[in-house]
Protein backbone atom coordinates (compact mmCIF):
# COMPACT_ATOMS: atom_id res chain seq x y z
CA UNK A 1 -45.19 18.56 -17.04
CA UNK A 2 -44.16 20.97 -19.78
CA UNK A 3 -44.10 24.62 -18.78
CA UNK A 4 -45.21 27.23 -21.31
CA UNK A 5 -42.31 29.43 -22.44
CA UNK A 6 -43.11 32.37 -24.72
CA UNK A 7 -41.05 35.06 -26.40
CA UNK A 8 -41.91 38.64 -25.42
CA UNK A 9 -43.45 40.52 -28.34
CA UNK A 10 -42.97 44.28 -28.75
CA UNK A 11 -45.76 46.65 -29.79
CA UNK A 12 -44.28 46.54 -33.33
CA UNK A 13 -44.66 42.76 -33.44
CA UNK A 14 -40.94 41.99 -33.02
CA UNK A 15 -39.53 39.20 -30.87
CA UNK A 16 -36.21 40.58 -29.51
CA UNK A 17 -35.00 37.38 -27.84
CA UNK A 18 -35.82 35.22 -30.86
CA UNK A 19 -33.99 37.72 -33.11
CA UNK A 20 -30.99 37.71 -30.74
CA UNK A 21 -30.83 33.89 -30.86
CA UNK A 22 -30.97 33.86 -34.67
CA UNK A 23 -27.87 36.09 -34.83
CA UNK A 24 -25.69 33.72 -32.76
CA UNK A 25 -23.35 31.01 -34.06
CA UNK A 26 -24.54 27.41 -34.27
CA UNK A 27 -22.92 26.21 -31.04
CA UNK A 28 -24.35 29.12 -29.04
CA UNK A 29 -27.81 28.57 -30.53
CA UNK A 30 -27.65 24.90 -29.52
CA UNK A 31 -26.73 25.82 -25.94
CA UNK A 32 -29.47 28.47 -25.76
CA UNK A 33 -32.04 25.99 -27.08
CA UNK A 34 -30.93 23.43 -24.50
CA UNK A 35 -31.35 25.97 -21.69
CA UNK A 36 -34.81 26.96 -22.94
CA UNK A 37 -35.69 23.27 -23.10
CA UNK A 38 -34.62 22.89 -19.45
CA UNK A 39 -36.91 25.79 -18.56
CA UNK A 40 -39.79 24.13 -20.44
CA UNK A 41 -39.16 20.77 -18.76
CA UNK A 42 -38.38 21.88 -15.20
CA UNK A 43 -39.91 25.36 -14.85
CA UNK A 44 -39.80 26.47 -11.20
CA UNK A 45 -37.71 23.43 -10.25
CA UNK A 46 -34.73 24.64 -12.29
CA UNK A 47 -31.94 25.77 -9.94
CA UNK A 48 -28.55 27.54 -10.09
CA UNK A 49 -26.24 27.55 -11.99
CA UNK A 50 -28.85 27.38 -14.79
CA UNK A 51 -30.91 30.26 -13.41
CA UNK A 52 -30.54 33.12 -10.98
CA UNK A 53 -33.20 35.28 -9.35
CA UNK A 54 -32.37 38.95 -9.89
CA UNK A 55 -35.36 40.76 -8.42
CA UNK A 56 -38.95 40.11 -7.53
CA UNK A 57 -40.35 38.15 -10.51
CA UNK A 58 -37.24 38.72 -12.65
CA UNK A 59 -34.84 35.85 -13.35
CA UNK A 60 -31.96 35.16 -15.69
CA UNK A 61 -31.33 32.01 -17.67
CA UNK A 62 -27.56 31.50 -17.69
CA UNK A 63 -25.90 29.97 -20.72
CA UNK A 64 -22.16 29.29 -20.50
CA UNK A 65 -19.89 28.72 -23.45
CA UNK A 66 -17.41 30.57 -25.61
CA UNK A 67 -19.51 33.60 -24.73
CA UNK A 68 -21.77 33.90 -21.69
CA UNK A 69 -25.35 34.55 -22.72
CA UNK A 70 -28.02 35.80 -20.34
CA UNK A 71 -31.75 35.71 -21.03
CA UNK A 72 -33.95 37.62 -18.62
CA UNK A 73 -37.39 36.14 -18.05
CA UNK A 74 -40.42 36.54 -15.84
CA UNK A 75 -43.44 34.48 -14.92
CA UNK A 76 -46.89 35.94 -15.58
CA UNK A 77 -50.22 34.11 -15.56
CA UNK A 78 -48.39 30.79 -15.17
CA UNK A 79 -46.30 31.32 -18.32
CA UNK A 80 -42.62 32.09 -18.73
CA UNK A 81 -41.82 35.13 -20.88
CA UNK A 82 -38.33 35.55 -22.33
CA UNK A 83 -37.87 39.31 -22.12
CA UNK A 84 -34.34 40.23 -23.13
CA UNK A 85 -31.07 38.55 -24.10
CA UNK A 86 -27.49 39.76 -24.27
CA UNK A 87 -23.90 38.55 -24.23
CA UNK A 88 -22.40 39.12 -20.81
CA UNK A 89 -18.96 40.71 -20.96
CA UNK A 90 -18.36 41.71 -17.34
CA UNK A 91 -18.93 40.39 -13.82
CA UNK A 92 -21.84 42.71 -13.08
CA UNK A 93 -25.04 42.83 -15.05
CA UNK A 94 -25.05 46.14 -16.95
CA UNK A 95 -27.83 48.44 -15.67
CA UNK A 96 -28.87 49.20 -19.27
CA UNK A 97 -29.64 45.53 -19.92
CA UNK A 98 -31.56 45.21 -16.66
CA UNK A 99 -33.63 48.31 -17.49
CA UNK A 100 -34.69 46.85 -20.86
CA UNK A 101 -35.92 43.68 -19.14
CA UNK A 102 -37.76 45.58 -16.41
CA UNK A 103 -39.46 47.84 -18.96
CA UNK A 104 -40.65 44.84 -20.95
CA UNK A 105 -41.79 43.07 -17.79
CA UNK A 106 -43.97 46.08 -16.85
CA UNK A 107 -45.65 45.91 -20.27
CA UNK A 108 -46.81 42.36 -19.55
CA UNK A 109 -48.65 43.26 -16.36
């Protein structure tokens, strides 16, 4: 079964995660697309190290490579919404990045 994965759209009509992906190098884009494909194919059956639950209804898709990419997502109405993406540079998730994802998640509900 294919799970529905959508990009979060801002009030201005922008797609922040899609725009983030477009700015990455070819190898990183390929790895991100593979991870999104895993989410489409396996949905809730996808397990660590590919995903990690951060909070209630907030997860991160973990992409390893030359640079570690994180894509925060949530599940609403049976669909997966890619909320926010960033390049991880430290062990801990920066609170600023988490806040962006949580704000976008609240706009979906």
